[in-house]
């Protein structure tokens, strides 16, 4: 269907405000029991999701509070609370920092998995999209961070790695005791110590962070390309 015949309506999806696509007949666009959404009206990436996870926004409903807040990653097997949204402003980032957005995706848990990484340094950008075989979503998130660190050719510049994974942030920076993946976690921690100024930053996924959205798209693309 031509894009100019599609209208978008504000909806809620898993506690996030999104835009849902509707056709000229004012009915939701659907395919195989799923409907089309996007997290930002200006972004090019769109997602097919289960319609049962969408709900209308009640008129006059209060918006979500801004700033730092506690969140819980329900996809994590640990289900720990207390992860803080660290990112509040671009001013928190050193002007000479290498900024890296990482994400992992898995079709099944475990299942065919991929990683997506966006590197930014000044006006320069580099993307990485890679299939990593059969893995869990948590392993994919960790592998994206590990790969990003190994891709860097310098350990002297400030590095900021942005992840939307509460699990990865927790086990790598908050000393969560991980029941699974200890070897991978320890390898990443050891690599992190070689950098003079490295910080892992927790951001909320699918919340309009352009870098995070691109990393998500790259990870998803890696899985889709493998599945054909």
C-alpha atoms as a PDB file:
ATOM      1  CA  UNK A   1       0.000   0.000   0.000  1.00  0.00           C
ATOM      2  CA  UNK A   2       1.272   3.488  -0.828  1.00  0.00           C
ATOM      3  CA  UNK A   3       2.524   5.400   2.185  1.00  0.00           C
ATOM      4  CA  UNK A   4       0.329   8.409   1.392  1.00  0.00           C
ATOM      5  CA  UNK A   5      -2.731   6.203   1.959  1.00  0.00           C
ATOM      6  CA  UNK A   6      -1.592   5.185   5.425  1.00  0.00           C
ATOM      7  CA  UNK A   7      -2.539   7.135   8.535  1.00  0.00           C
ATOM      8  CA  UNK A   8      -0.872   6.750  11.913  1.00  0.00           C
ATOM      9  CA  UNK A   9      -2.577   6.733  15.307  1.00  0.00           C
ATOM     10  CA  UNK A  10      -0.938   7.107  18.706  1.00  0.00           C
ATOM     11  CA  UNK A  11      -1.191   3.889  20.742  1.00  0.00           C
ATOM     12  CA  UNK A  12       0.452   2.140  23.681  1.00  0.00           C
ATOM     13  CA  UNK A  13       2.666  -0.921  23.121  1.00  0.00           C
ATOM     14  CA  UNK A  14       4.135  -2.659  26.173  1.00  0.00           C
ATOM     15  CA  UNK A  15       4.108   0.601  28.186  1.00  0.00           C
ATOM     16  CA  UNK A  16       5.650   2.576  25.294  1.00  0.00           C
ATOM     17  CA  UNK A  17       3.877   5.147  23.159  1.00  0.00           C
ATOM     18  CA  UNK A  18       4.024   4.147  19.489  1.00  0.00           C
ATOM     19  CA  UNK A  19       2.336   4.964  16.166  1.00  0.00           C
ATOM     20  CA  UNK A  20       0.044   2.339  14.617  1.00  0.00           C
ATOM     21  CA  UNK A  21      -0.677   2.207  10.879  1.00  0.00           C
ATOM     22  CA  UNK A  22      -4.259   2.389   9.561  1.00  0.00           C
ATOM     23  CA  UNK A  23      -5.499   2.032   5.982  1.00  0.00           C
ATOM     24  CA  UNK A  24      -7.937   4.241   4.012  1.00  0.00           C
ATOM     25  CA  UNK A  25     -10.803   2.231   5.515  1.00  0.00           C
ATOM     26  CA  UNK A  26      -9.577   3.331   8.975  1.00  0.00           C
ATOM     27  CA  UNK A  27      -8.846  -0.285   9.884  1.00  0.00           C
ATOM     28  CA  UNK A  28      -5.439  -1.370  11.244  1.00  0.00           C
ATOM     29  CA  UNK A  29      -2.999  -2.668   8.644  1.00  0.00           C
ATOM     30  CA  UNK A  30      -2.500  -6.348   9.476  1.00  0.00           C
ATOM     31  CA  UNK A  31      -0.490  -9.311   8.225  1.00  0.00           C
ATOM     32  CA  UNK A  32      -0.466 -12.841   9.639  1.00  0.00           C
ATOM     33  CA  UNK A  33      -2.239 -11.674  12.760  1.00  0.00           C
ATOM     34  CA  UNK A  34       0.180  -8.800  13.374  1.00  0.00           C
ATOM     35  CA  UNK A  35      -0.164  -5.034  12.958  1.00  0.00           C
ATOM     36  CA  UNK A  36       2.302  -2.388  11.813  1.00  0.00           C
ATOM     37  CA  UNK A  37       3.842   0.132  14.207  1.00  0.00           C
ATOM     38  CA  UNK A  38       6.762   2.534  14.469  1.00  0.00           C
ATOM     39  CA  UNK A  39       8.205   4.239  17.519  1.00  0.00           C
ATOM     40  CA  UNK A  40       8.813   7.584  15.874  1.00  0.00           C
ATOM     41  CA  UNK A  41       6.756   9.014  12.980  1.00  0.00           C
ATOM     42  CA  UNK A  42       9.926  10.226  11.250  1.00  0.00           C
ATOM     43  CA  UNK A  43      11.859   6.960  11.435  1.00  0.00           C
ATOM     44  CA  UNK A  44      12.071   4.596   8.461  1.00  0.00           C
ATOM     45  CA  UNK A  45      12.030   1.400  10.526  1.00  0.00           C
ATOM     46  CA  UNK A  46       8.654  -0.270  11.045  1.00  0.00           C
ATOM     47  CA  UNK A  47       7.692  -3.350  13.050  1.00  0.00           C
ATOM     48  CA  UNK A  48       4.979  -6.025  12.836  1.00  0.00           C
ATOM     49  CA  UNK A  49       3.756  -6.833  16.347  1.00  0.00           C
ATOM     50  CA  UNK A  50       1.009  -8.829  18.029  1.00  0.00           C
ATOM     51  CA  UNK A  51      -2.179  -6.757  18.028  1.00  0.00           C
ATOM     52  CA  UNK A  52      -3.044  -8.003  21.521  1.00  0.00           C
ATOM     53  CA  UNK A  53      -0.090  -6.023  22.895  1.00  0.00           C
ATOM     54  CA  UNK A  54      -1.540  -2.707  21.662  1.00  0.00           C
ATOM     55  CA  UNK A  55      -4.048  -0.565  23.489  1.00  0.00           C
ATOM     56  CA  UNK A  56      -5.547   2.868  22.981  1.00  0.00           C
ATOM     57  CA  UNK A  57      -4.299   5.825  24.968  1.00  0.00           C
ATOM     58  CA  UNK A  58      -7.011   7.069  27.284  1.00  0.00           C
ATOM     59  CA  UNK A  59      -7.880  10.760  26.772  1.00  0.00           C
ATOM     60  CA  UNK A  60      -6.295  12.887  29.416  1.00  0.00           C
ATOM     61  CA  UNK A  61      -4.038  10.082  30.596  1.00  0.00           C
ATOM     62  CA  UNK A  62      -0.954  11.506  32.301  1.00  0.00           C
ATOM     63  CA  UNK A  63       2.294  11.238  30.392  1.00  0.00           C
ATOM     64  CA  UNK A  64       5.289   9.362  31.649  1.00  0.00           C
ATOM     65  CA  UNK A  65       7.608  11.302  33.934  1.00  0.00           C
ATOM     66  CA  UNK A  66      10.728  12.616  32.279  1.00  0.00           C
ATOM     67  CA  UNK A  67      14.319  12.209  33.436  1.00  0.00           C
ATOM     68  CA  UNK A  68      15.884   9.309  35.277  1.00  0.00           C
ATOM     69  CA  UNK A  69      13.710   6.454  36.428  1.00  0.00           C
ATOM     70  CA  UNK A  70      13.906   2.847  37.460  1.00  0.00           C
ATOM     71  CA  UNK A  71      12.969   0.229  34.922  1.00  0.00           C
ATOM     72  CA  UNK A  72      12.840  -3.536  34.756  1.00  0.00           C
ATOM     73  CA  UNK A  73      13.883  -5.645  31.803  1.00  0.00           C
ATOM     74  CA  UNK A  74      11.112  -8.259  31.711  1.00  0.00           C
ATOM     75  CA  UNK A  75      12.908 -10.198  28.981  1.00  0.00           C
ATOM     76  CA  UNK A  76      15.785 -10.961  31.316  1.00  0.00           C
ATOM     77  CA  UNK A  77      15.684 -14.275  33.110  1.00  0.00           C
ATOM     78  CA  UNK A  78      16.989 -12.473  36.208  1.00  0.00           C
ATOM     79  CA  UNK A  79      14.069  -9.994  36.398  1.00  0.00           C
ATOM     80  CA  UNK A  80      16.066  -7.732  38.718  1.00  0.00           C
ATOM     81  CA  UNK A  81      14.882  -4.230  39.564  1.00  0.00           C
ATOM     82  CA  UNK A  82      16.817  -1.052  40.164  1.00  0.00           C
ATOM     83  CA  UNK A  83      18.486  -0.367  36.804  1.00  0.00           C
ATOM     84  CA  UNK A  84      18.684   3.391  36.393  1.00  0.00           C
ATOM     85  CA  UNK A  85      18.294   5.298  33.136  1.00  0.00           C
ATOM     86  CA  UNK A  86      21.712   6.938  33.042  1.00  0.00           C
ATOM     87  CA  UNK A  87      21.472   8.955  29.837  1.00  0.00           C
ATOM     88  CA  UNK A  88      19.953  12.401  30.321  1.00  0.00           C
ATOM     89  CA  UNK A  89      21.707  14.734  27.915  1.00  0.00           C
ATOM     90  CA  UNK A  90      24.238  14.941  25.100  1.00  0.00           C
ATOM     91  CA  UNK A  91      26.144  17.244  27.440  1.00  0.00           C
ATOM     92  CA  UNK A  92      27.029  14.201  29.538  1.00  0.00           C
ATOM     93  CA  UNK A  93      29.214  12.916  26.681  1.00  0.00           C
ATOM     94  CA  UNK A  94      32.814  14.161  26.194  1.00  0.00           C
ATOM     95  CA  UNK A  95      33.174  15.998  22.888  1.00  0.00           C
ATOM     96  CA  UNK A  96      35.976  13.665  21.767  1.00  0.00           C
ATOM     97  CA  UNK A  97      34.183  10.441  22.772  1.00  0.00           C
ATOM     98  CA  UNK A  98      33.581   7.452  20.532  1.00  0.00           C
ATOM     99  CA  UNK A  99      29.858   6.723  20.886  1.00  0.00           C
ATOM    100  CA  UNK A 100      28.685   3.179  20.227  1.00  0.00           C
ATOM    101  CA  UNK A 101      25.113   1.898  20.111  1.00  0.00           C
ATOM    102  CA  UNK A 102      24.749  -1.872  20.463  1.00  0.00           C
ATOM    103  CA  UNK A 103      21.831  -4.271  20.250  1.00  0.00           C
ATOM    104  CA  UNK A 104      21.173  -7.986  19.982  1.00  0.00           C
ATOM    105  CA  UNK A 105      18.259  -9.857  18.445  1.00  0.00           C
ATOM    106  CA  UNK A 106      17.117 -13.458  18.598  1.00  0.00           C
ATOM    107  CA  UNK A 107      14.380 -15.276  16.679  1.00  0.00           C
ATOM    108  CA  UNK A 108      13.487 -17.617  19.490  1.00  0.00           C
ATOM    109  CA  UNK A 109      15.255 -17.781  22.817  1.00  0.00           C
ATOM    110  CA  UNK A 110      17.533 -19.473  21.974  1.00  0.00           C
ATOM    111  CA  UNK A 111      17.340 -19.206  18.195  1.00  0.00           C
ATOM    112  CA  UNK A 112      19.062 -17.623  15.172  1.00  0.00           C
ATOM    113  CA  UNK A 113      20.632 -14.445  16.535  1.00  0.00           C
ATOM    114  CA  UNK A 114      22.303 -11.298  15.295  1.00  0.00           C
ATOM    115  CA  UNK A 115      24.057  -8.212  16.558  1.00  0.00           C
ATOM    116  CA  UNK A 116      23.855  -4.612  15.427  1.00  0.00           C
ATOM    117  CA  UNK A 117      26.403  -1.897  16.191  1.00  0.00           C
ATOM    118  CA  UNK A 118      26.566   1.770  15.245  1.00  0.00           C
ATOM    119  CA  UNK A 119      29.894   3.569  15.804  1.00  0.00           C
ATOM    120  CA  UNK A 120      30.022   7.369  15.883  1.00  0.00           C
ATOM    121  CA  UNK A 121      33.073   9.586  16.167  1.00  0.00           C
ATOM    122  CA  UNK A 122      32.574  13.225  15.244  1.00  0.00           C
ATOM    123  CA  UNK A 123      31.025  13.233  11.775  1.00  0.00           C
ATOM    124  CA  UNK A 124      32.139   9.671  11.042  1.00  0.00           C
ATOM    125  CA  UNK A 125      29.860   6.644  11.309  1.00  0.00           C
ATOM    126  CA  UNK A 126      30.294   2.904  10.834  1.00  0.00           C
ATOM    127  CA  UNK A 127      27.665   0.149  10.970  1.00  0.00           C
ATOM    128  CA  UNK A 128      28.063  -3.537  11.735  1.00  0.00           C
ATOM    129  CA  UNK A 129      25.362  -6.172  11.243  1.00  0.00           C
ATOM    130  CA  UNK A 130      26.373  -9.782  11.912  1.00  0.00           C
ATOM    131  CA  UNK A 131      24.717 -13.177  12.381  1.00  0.00           C
ATOM    132  CA  UNK A 132      26.191 -14.986  15.410  1.00  0.00           C
ATOM    133  CA  UNK A 133      24.503 -18.382  15.144  1.00  0.00           C
ATOM    134  CA  UNK A 134      22.106 -19.896  17.661  1.00  0.00           C
ATOM    135  CA  UNK A 135      22.018 -17.936  20.910  1.00  0.00           C
ATOM    136  CA  UNK A 136      19.752 -16.366  23.506  1.00  0.00           C
ATOM    137  CA  UNK A 137      18.801 -12.704  23.404  1.00  0.00           C
ATOM    138  CA  UNK A 138      20.991 -12.001  26.446  1.00  0.00           C
ATOM    139  CA  UNK A 139      24.014 -13.577  24.767  1.00  0.00           C
ATOM    140  CA  UNK A 140      23.357 -11.503  21.652  1.00  0.00           C
ATOM    141  CA  UNK A 141      23.267  -8.310  23.735  1.00  0.00           C
ATOM    142  CA  UNK A 142      26.564  -9.215  25.400  1.00  0.00           C
ATOM    143  CA  UNK A 143      28.177 -10.308  22.143  1.00  0.00           C
ATOM    144  CA  UNK A 144      27.288  -6.964  20.555  1.00  0.00           C
ATOM    145  CA  UNK A 145      29.148  -5.142  23.327  1.00  0.00           C
ATOM    146  CA  UNK A 146      32.129  -7.506  23.148  1.00  0.00           C
ATOM    147  CA  UNK A 147      32.379  -7.159  19.378  1.00  0.00           C
ATOM    148  CA  UNK A 148      32.131  -3.380  19.576  1.00  0.00           C
ATOM    149  CA  UNK A 149      35.044  -3.191  22.007  1.00  0.00           C
ATOM    150  CA  UNK A 150      37.207  -5.498  19.894  1.00  0.00           C
ATOM    151  CA  UNK A 151      36.507  -3.405  16.770  1.00  0.00           C
ATOM    152  CA  UNK A 152      38.044  -0.279  18.318  1.00  0.00           C
ATOM    153  CA  UNK A 153      41.616   0.471  17.322  1.00  0.00           C
ATOM    154  CA  UNK A 154      42.363   2.715  20.288  1.00  0.00           C
ATOM    155  CA  UNK A 155      41.897   2.399  24.042  1.00  0.00           C
ATOM    156  CA  UNK A 156      42.983   5.968  24.816  1.00  0.00           C
ATOM    157  CA  UNK A 157      39.909   7.959  23.735  1.00  0.00           C
ATOM    158  CA  UNK A 158      36.739   8.228  25.834  1.00  0.00           C
ATOM    159  CA  UNK A 159      34.242   5.525  24.860  1.00  0.00           C
ATOM    160  CA  UNK A 160      30.516   5.507  25.628  1.00  0.00           C
ATOM    161  CA  UNK A 161      28.573   2.328  24.845  1.00  0.00           C
ATOM    162  CA  UNK A 162      24.794   2.707  24.831  1.00  0.00           C
ATOM    163  CA  UNK A 163      22.685  -0.393  25.453  1.00  0.00           C
ATOM    164  CA  UNK A 164      18.981  -0.920  26.091  1.00  0.00           C
ATOM    165  CA  UNK A 165      19.657  -4.249  27.823  1.00  0.00           C
ATOM    166  CA  UNK A 166      19.115  -4.104  31.584  1.00  0.00           C
ATOM    167  CA  UNK A 167      20.699  -7.558  31.784  1.00  0.00           C
ATOM    168  CA  UNK A 168      23.930  -6.549  30.038  1.00  0.00           C
ATOM    169  CA  UNK A 169      24.149  -3.312  32.004  1.00  0.00           C
ATOM    170  CA  UNK A 170      23.535  -5.116  35.281  1.00  0.00           C
ATOM    171  CA  UNK A 171      26.037  -7.945  34.895  1.00  0.00           C
ATOM    172  CA  UNK A 172      28.764  -5.692  33.488  1.00  0.00           C
ATOM    173  CA  UNK A 173      28.470  -2.635  35.730  1.00  0.00           C
ATOM    174  CA  UNK A 174      26.258  -3.399  38.756  1.00  0.00           C
ATOM    175  CA  UNK A 175      27.942  -6.673  39.770  1.00  0.00           C
ATOM    176  CA  UNK A 176      24.820  -8.751  39.290  1.00  0.00           C
ATOM    177  CA  UNK A 177      25.594 -12.409  39.931  1.00  0.00           C
ATOM    178  CA  UNK A 178      24.839 -14.056  36.602  1.00  0.00           C
ATOM    179  CA  UNK A 179      23.768 -17.677  36.706  1.00  0.00           C
ATOM    180  CA  UNK A 180      24.486 -18.045  32.994  1.00  0.00           C
ATOM    181  CA  UNK A 181      27.155 -16.814  30.551  1.00  0.00           C
ATOM    182  CA  UNK A 182      29.883 -16.205  33.212  1.00  0.00           C
ATOM    183  CA  UNK A 183      32.775 -16.839  30.805  1.00  0.00           C
ATOM    184  CA  UNK A 184      31.474 -14.348  28.231  1.00  0.00           C
ATOM    185  CA  UNK A 185      30.768 -11.776  30.931  1.00  0.00           C
ATOM    186  CA  UNK A 186      34.250 -12.121  32.430  1.00  0.00           C
ATOM    187  CA  UNK A 187      35.896 -11.774  29.004  1.00  0.00           C
ATOM    188  CA  UNK A 188      34.001  -8.549  28.392  1.00  0.00           C
ATOM    189  CA  UNK A 189      34.885  -7.180  31.826  1.00  0.00           C
ATOM    190  CA  UNK A 190      38.552  -7.942  31.227  1.00  0.00           C
ATOM    191  CA  UNK A 191      38.456  -6.165  27.860  1.00  0.00           C
ATOM    192  CA  UNK A 192      36.755  -3.149  29.456  1.00  0.00           C
ATOM    193  CA  UNK A 193      39.653  -2.681  31.881  1.00  0.00           C
ATOM    194  CA  UNK A 194      42.031  -1.946  29.003  1.00  0.00           C
ATOM    195  CA  UNK A 195      40.242   1.326  28.173  1.00  0.00           C
ATOM    196  CA  UNK A 196      41.281   4.536  29.895  1.00  0.00           C
ATOM    197  CA  UNK A 197      37.775   6.070  29.901  1.00  0.00           C
ATOM    198  CA  UNK A 198      34.939   3.656  29.181  1.00  0.00           C
ATOM    199  CA  UNK A 199      31.347   3.866  30.377  1.00  0.00           C
ATOM    200  CA  UNK A 200      28.390   1.636  29.642  1.00  0.00           C
ATOM    201  CA  UNK A 201      25.232   3.729  29.448  1.00  0.00           C
ATOM    202  CA  UNK A 202      21.728   2.307  29.929  1.00  0.00           C
ATOM    203  CA  UNK A 203      19.065   3.829  27.687  1.00  0.00           C
ATOM    204  CA  UNK A 204      15.428   2.939  27.210  1.00  0.00           C
ATOM    205  CA  UNK A 205      14.814   0.877  24.074  1.00  0.00           C
ATOM    206  CA  UNK A 206      12.422   2.049  21.363  1.00  0.00           C
ATOM    207  CA  UNK A 207      12.131   5.483  22.916  1.00  0.00           C
ATOM    208  CA  UNK A 208      13.263   7.650  20.028  1.00  0.00           C
ATOM    209  CA  UNK A 209      17.048   7.300  20.446  1.00  0.00           C
ATOM    210  CA  UNK A 210      18.104   7.320  16.792  1.00  0.00           C
ATOM    211  CA  UNK A 211      21.330   5.413  17.439  1.00  0.00           C
ATOM    212  CA  UNK A 212      19.528   2.723  19.402  1.00  0.00           C
ATOM    213  CA  UNK A 213      16.883   2.341  16.697  1.00  0.00           C
ATOM    214  CA  UNK A 214      19.585   1.864  14.058  1.00  0.00           C
ATOM    215  CA  UNK A 215      21.419  -0.717  16.160  1.00  0.00           C
ATOM    216  CA  UNK A 216      18.118  -2.563  16.641  1.00  0.00           C
ATOM    217  CA  UNK A 217      17.505  -2.515  12.885  1.00  0.00           C
ATOM    218  CA  UNK A 218      21.014  -3.825  12.160  1.00  0.00           C
ATOM    219  CA  UNK A 219      20.621  -6.698  14.634  1.00  0.00           C
ATOM    220  CA  UNK A 220      17.191  -7.609  13.290  1.00  0.00           C
ATOM    221  CA  UNK A 221      18.478  -7.444   9.711  1.00  0.00           C
ATOM    222  CA  UNK A 222      21.240  -9.920  10.537  1.00  0.00           C
ATOM    223  CA  UNK A 223      18.654 -12.433  11.771  1.00  0.00           C
ATOM    224  CA  UNK A 224      16.311 -11.867   8.843  1.00  0.00           C
ATOM    225  CA  UNK A 225      19.116 -12.292   6.306  1.00  0.00           C
ATOM    226  CA  UNK A 226      20.060 -15.610   7.876  1.00  0.00           C
ATOM    227  CA  UNK A 227      16.470 -16.853   7.896  1.00  0.00           C
ATOM    228  CA  UNK A 228      16.017 -15.741   4.285  1.00  0.00           C
END
